[in-house]
């Protein structure tokens, strides 16, 4: 059967985030800074930033806000 021009393009599978990356991103979704997240998770702010940089790379986005939006759309984190 021929593909219909109106058929949506197949979507790539969702990115795979580590539990810690998901946790950091979930706190970003709640409006927390790297310093806040570091305190909550007993990490340095730089370590939090490193996790979030990896998230942005995996989701192919540039900012934390774009990462949150993409992760929510993909079902990787919940919008709260």
Protein backbone atom coordinates (compact mmCIF):
# COMPACT_ATOMS: atom_id res chain seq x y z
CA UNK A 1 0.00 0.00 0.00
CA UNK A 2 1.25 3.47 -0.87
CA UNK A 3 1.87 6.03 1.86
CA UNK A 4 -0.72 8.79 1.87
CA UNK A 5 0.70 12.33 1.68
CA UNK A 6 -1.49 13.23 4.65
CA UNK A 7 -0.13 10.46 6.90
CA UNK A 8 1.88 11.96 9.76
CA UNK A 9 5.59 11.33 9.75
CA UNK A 10 6.72 8.71 12.24
CA UNK A 11 7.90 10.30 15.46
CA UNK A 12 11.29 9.36 16.91
CA UNK A 13 11.15 7.40 20.16
CA UNK A 14 11.25 9.48 23.34
CA UNK A 15 14.67 10.29 24.72
CA UNK A 16 15.92 8.17 27.55
CA UNK A 17 16.69 10.18 30.68
CA UNK A 18 18.32 8.79 33.79
CA UNK A 19 16.26 8.89 36.99
CA UNK A 20 18.48 11.71 38.33
CA UNK A 21 18.09 13.71 35.11
CA UNK A 22 14.31 13.30 35.33
CA UNK A 23 14.37 14.34 38.98
CA UNK A 24 16.38 17.50 38.26
CA UNK A 25 14.12 18.38 35.33
CA UNK A 26 11.00 17.81 37.43
CA UNK A 27 12.31 20.36 39.96
CA UNK A 28 13.00 22.82 37.11
CA UNK A 29 9.37 22.31 36.09
CA UNK A 30 8.42 23.40 39.61
CA UNK A 31 10.43 26.60 39.25
CA UNK A 32 13.51 25.68 41.26
CA UNK A 33 16.99 27.06 40.53
CA UNK A 34 20.13 24.93 40.32
CA UNK A 35 21.06 26.04 43.83
CA UNK A 36 17.61 25.06 45.13
CA UNK A 37 17.73 21.70 43.38
CA UNK A 38 21.23 21.09 44.69
CA UNK A 39 20.07 21.69 48.23
CA UNK A 40 17.03 19.44 47.79
CA UNK A 41 19.03 16.59 46.23
CA UNK A 42 22.28 17.10 48.20
CA UNK A 43 24.21 17.98 45.04
CA UNK A 44 26.33 20.96 44.08
CA UNK A 45 24.64 23.47 41.78
CA UNK A 46 27.31 22.64 39.17
CA UNK A 47 26.34 18.96 39.27
CA UNK A 48 22.70 19.94 38.78
CA UNK A 49 23.72 22.10 35.82
CA UNK A 50 25.65 19.15 34.39
CA UNK A 51 22.58 16.90 34.61
CA UNK A 52 20.46 19.57 32.94
CA UNK A 53 23.01 20.10 30.17
CA UNK A 54 22.84 16.36 29.45
CA UNK A 55 19.04 16.55 29.40
CA UNK A 56 19.12 19.41 26.89
CA UNK A 57 21.53 17.47 24.70
CA UNK A 58 19.41 14.32 24.79
CA UNK A 59 16.22 16.25 24.03
CA UNK A 60 17.97 18.36 21.36
CA UNK A 61 16.92 21.66 22.92
CA UNK A 62 18.84 24.72 24.09
CA UNK A 63 17.16 25.88 27.28
CA UNK A 64 15.74 24.42 30.47
CA UNK A 65 12.28 25.67 29.57
CA UNK A 66 12.43 23.94 26.18
CA UNK A 67 13.63 20.79 27.96
CA UNK A 68 10.67 20.87 30.36
CA UNK A 69 8.21 21.40 27.50
CA UNK A 70 9.73 18.60 25.43
CA UNK A 71 9.89 16.19 28.38
CA UNK A 72 6.25 16.86 29.29
CA UNK A 73 5.15 16.30 25.67
CA UNK A 74 7.09 13.03 25.59
CA UNK A 75 5.70 11.87 28.93
CA UNK A 76 9.13 11.85 30.59
CA UNK A 77 8.01 14.13 33.45
CA UNK A 78 4.66 15.38 34.72
CA UNK A 79 3.67 19.04 34.54
CA UNK A 80 2.78 20.12 38.06
